[in-house]
C-alpha atoms as a PDB file:
ATOM      1  CA  UNK A   1      44.240  -3.332 -54.567  1.00  0.00           C
ATOM      2  CA  UNK A   2      41.090  -1.826 -56.058  1.00  0.00           C
ATOM      3  CA  UNK A   3      42.587   1.630 -56.715  1.00  0.00           C
ATOM      4  CA  UNK A   4      43.422   0.817 -60.317  1.00  0.00           C
ATOM      5  CA  UNK A   5      39.966  -0.676 -60.852  1.00  0.00           C
ATOM      6  CA  UNK A   6      38.182   2.316 -59.307  1.00  0.00           C
ATOM      7  CA  UNK A   7      39.455   4.606 -62.075  1.00  0.00           C
ATOM      8  CA  UNK A   8      37.786   2.421 -64.696  1.00  0.00           C
ATOM      9  CA  UNK A   9      34.586   1.257 -62.998  1.00  0.00           C
ATOM     10  CA  UNK A  10      31.322   0.974 -64.867  1.00  0.00           C
ATOM     11  CA  UNK A  11      27.972   1.784 -63.322  1.00  0.00           C
ATOM     12  CA  UNK A  12      25.404  -1.009 -63.339  1.00  0.00           C
ATOM     13  CA  UNK A  13      21.761  -0.879 -62.452  1.00  0.00           C
ATOM     14  CA  UNK A  14      20.342  -3.907 -60.659  1.00  0.00           C
ATOM     15  CA  UNK A  15      17.000  -4.628 -59.086  1.00  0.00           C
ATOM     16  CA  UNK A  16      16.854  -5.840 -55.489  1.00  0.00           C
ATOM     17  CA  UNK A  17      13.829  -6.475 -53.316  1.00  0.00           C
ATOM     18  CA  UNK A  18      13.279  -4.440 -50.161  1.00  0.00           C
ATOM     19  CA  UNK A  19      14.449  -7.230 -47.855  1.00  0.00           C
ATOM     20  CA  UNK A  20      17.797  -7.540 -49.646  1.00  0.00           C
ATOM     21  CA  UNK A  21      18.267  -3.761 -49.690  1.00  0.00           C
ATOM     22  CA  UNK A  22      17.593  -3.592 -45.940  1.00  0.00           C
ATOM     23  CA  UNK A  23      20.116  -6.353 -45.299  1.00  0.00           C
ATOM     24  CA  UNK A  24      22.615  -4.688 -47.632  1.00  0.00           C
ATOM     25  CA  UNK A  25      22.183  -1.357 -45.824  1.00  0.00           C
ATOM     26  CA  UNK A  26      22.709  -3.061 -42.465  1.00  0.00           C
ATOM     27  CA  UNK A  27      25.897  -4.818 -43.624  1.00  0.00           C
ATOM     28  CA  UNK A  28      27.197  -1.610 -45.213  1.00  0.00           C
ATOM     29  CA  UNK A  29      26.562   0.314 -41.996  1.00  0.00           C
ATOM     30  CA  UNK A  30      28.234  -2.279 -39.784  1.00  0.00           C
ATOM     31  CA  UNK A  31      31.266  -2.494 -42.090  1.00  0.00           C
ATOM     32  CA  UNK A  32      31.403   1.295 -42.663  1.00  0.00           C
ATOM     33  CA  UNK A  33      31.211   0.776 -46.421  1.00  0.00           C
ATOM     34  CA  UNK A  34      28.955   1.939 -49.189  1.00  0.00           C
ATOM     35  CA  UNK A  35      26.374  -0.348 -50.769  1.00  0.00           C
ATOM     36  CA  UNK A  36      28.539  -0.454 -53.872  1.00  0.00           C
ATOM     37  CA  UNK A  37      31.606  -1.516 -51.895  1.00  0.00           C
ATOM     38  CA  UNK A  38      29.696  -4.338 -50.195  1.00  0.00           C
ATOM     39  CA  UNK A  39      28.339  -5.550 -53.535  1.00  0.00           C
ATOM     40  CA  UNK A  40      31.801  -5.296 -55.178  1.00  0.00           C
ATOM     41  CA  UNK A  41      33.317  -7.337 -52.327  1.00  0.00           C
ATOM     42  CA  UNK A  42      30.573  -9.959 -52.599  1.00  0.00           C
ATOM     43  CA  UNK A  43      31.015 -10.283 -56.368  1.00  0.00           C
ATOM     44  CA  UNK A  44      34.810 -10.456 -56.024  1.00  0.00           C
ATOM     45  CA  UNK A  45      34.547 -13.250 -53.440  1.00  0.00           C
ATOM     46  CA  UNK A  46      31.941 -15.089 -55.523  1.00  0.00           C
ATOM     47  CA  UNK A  47      34.243 -14.968 -58.569  1.00  0.00           C
ATOM     48  CA  UNK A  48      37.178 -16.325 -56.532  1.00  0.00           C
ATOM     49  CA  UNK A  49      35.007 -19.106 -55.061  1.00  0.00           C
ATOM     50  CA  UNK A  50      33.626 -20.024 -58.491  1.00  0.00           C
ATOM     51  CA  UNK A  51      37.132 -20.204 -59.950  1.00  0.00           C
ATOM     52  CA  UNK A  52      38.253 -22.459 -57.095  1.00  0.00           C
ATOM     53  CA  UNK A  53      35.228 -24.728 -57.569  1.00  0.00           C
ATOM     54  CA  UNK A  54      35.859 -24.949 -61.341  1.00  0.00           C
ATOM     55  CA  UNK A  55      39.520 -25.793 -60.724  1.00  0.00           C
ATOM     56  CA  UNK A  56      38.547 -28.469 -58.201  1.00  0.00           C
ATOM     57  CA  UNK A  57      35.928 -29.977 -60.545  1.00  0.00           C
ATOM     58  CA  UNK A  58      38.432 -30.059 -63.422  1.00  0.00           C
ATOM     59  CA  UNK A  59      41.081 -31.586 -61.168  1.00  0.00           C
ATOM     60  CA  UNK A  60      38.701 -34.269 -59.881  1.00  0.00           C
ATOM     61  CA  UNK A  61      37.595 -35.056 -63.446  1.00  0.00           C
ATOM     62  CA  UNK A  62      41.251 -35.444 -64.445  1.00  0.00           C
ATOM     63  CA  UNK A  63      41.872 -37.748 -61.483  1.00  0.00           C
ATOM     64  CA  UNK A  64      38.838 -39.864 -62.383  1.00  0.00           C
ATOM     65  CA  UNK A  65      39.992 -40.210 -65.982  1.00  0.00           C
ATOM     66  CA  UNK A  66      43.510 -41.232 -64.917  1.00  0.00           C
ATOM     67  CA  UNK A  67      44.184 -44.751 -66.188  1.00  0.00           C
ATOM     68  CA  UNK A  68      47.789 -45.009 -65.017  1.00  0.00           C
ATOM     69  CA  UNK A  69      49.255 -47.285 -62.407  1.00  0.00           C
ATOM     70  CA  UNK A  70      48.078 -44.801 -59.765  1.00  0.00           C
ATOM     71  CA  UNK A  71      44.386 -44.908 -60.720  1.00  0.00           C
ATOM     72  CA  UNK A  72      43.559 -47.343 -57.877  1.00  0.00           C
ATOM     73  CA  UNK A  73      45.151 -44.922 -55.394  1.00  0.00           C
ATOM     74  CA  UNK A  74      43.062 -42.137 -56.915  1.00  0.00           C
ATOM     75  CA  UNK A  75      39.859 -44.129 -56.390  1.00  0.00           C
ATOM     76  CA  UNK A  76      40.802 -44.751 -52.753  1.00  0.00           C
ATOM     77  CA  UNK A  77      41.580 -41.074 -52.253  1.00  0.00           C
ATOM     78  CA  UNK A  78      38.278 -40.020 -53.840  1.00  0.00           C
ATOM     79  CA  UNK A  79      36.361 -42.387 -51.572  1.00  0.00           C
ATOM     80  CA  UNK A  80      38.155 -41.025 -48.500  1.00  0.00           C
ATOM     81  CA  UNK A  81      37.459 -37.432 -49.555  1.00  0.00           C
ATOM     82  CA  UNK A  82      33.704 -37.983 -50.043  1.00  0.00           C
ATOM     83  CA  UNK A  83      31.787 -35.986 -47.450  1.00  0.00           C
ATOM     84  CA  UNK A  84      28.176 -36.390 -46.525  1.00  0.00           C
ATOM     85  CA  UNK A  85      25.977 -33.369 -47.318  1.00  0.00           C
ATOM     86  CA  UNK A  86      24.353 -32.009 -44.181  1.00  0.00           C
END
């Protein structure tokens, strides 16, 4: 999956505090990966999660703006889907 990307990767320099570097080294060791691979995986997953959250927010906004005959059903669905933050 990443083979094509590996041929065209850019190097970035980032600053991390010692605690984060220690945690990163531990995760990399446990997963038998390099620091770079762990960071790439984390960024990839963050991008996917962000895209899903944007899609969901856009979808919910579209449902809320729906003024068709189904808008009452949408309001009921939204109320049922509301979860308490813990």
